[in-house]
Amino acid sequence: MYDTPTPEAKQGFAKLSGVLGGVGSFVFESIEAIVIALAICVVLYLFLVTPHEVIGRSMQPNFVEGEYLIANKLVYKFKDPERGDVVIFKHSPTQDYIKRVIAVPGDDVSVLDGNYYINGEMLDESEYLADTVYTEGGTFLHEGETYTVKEGEIFASGDNRPHSTDSRAFGPVKQDDVKGRVWFVYFPLSNFRIIQHPNY
């Protein structure tokens, strides 16, 4: 004869089944949430935003080495880069640069007496540069020369002018190589900030 489980044993089995069922449900829901979160991250990365680490000092003091930021990839699907935008662009197959847009298609850009001139007028960069910053010409755009930015191009420059390799040296950047406009810095957390567009 088989022993018939007592009511207490039946209650114990029921509780154990309930606990195991709850744990299983929690694990399944957790895995589901993680998969959904990863899927959202992939969609964001592919279509909306791109992360970037600041390497080097070409954008000091506004962006410092070791900061991590997010660039908006979608914004330039609807409009062209604007003067003053801080952008991420492909400089080579293995290297991205962060620089500021100085001139856009149709602009005449020149360097004279330590400043950028756009269409014959000195560019007021006081909102993001100290007045002691001196802008020199480079191997592409020499002091006193003028370059007219063509359609599909931007002229980009680092904020740390004495220590930036930029369009003054290598020429204009193709708009097709621009990956996005810098949106916010997210790491270190103490440096978190949303990047404002300068008012010229």
Foldseek 3Di string as FASTA:
>chain_A
DDDDDDPVVVVVVVVVVVVVVVVVVVVVVVVVVVVVVVVVVVCCCVAFKPKDADDDCLAPPVHDHGWIFIFTQHPVVPPADDAQFWFWFDPDPVDIDTWGFHFAAFWKWAFEFQFIATPRHTDDPVVRADPPHGAAAEPQHHHPDIDHHHPQWTFTGHRNRVGTDGCSYVNIDGSVRTRGTTAWTPPPVVRTDGDDGDDD
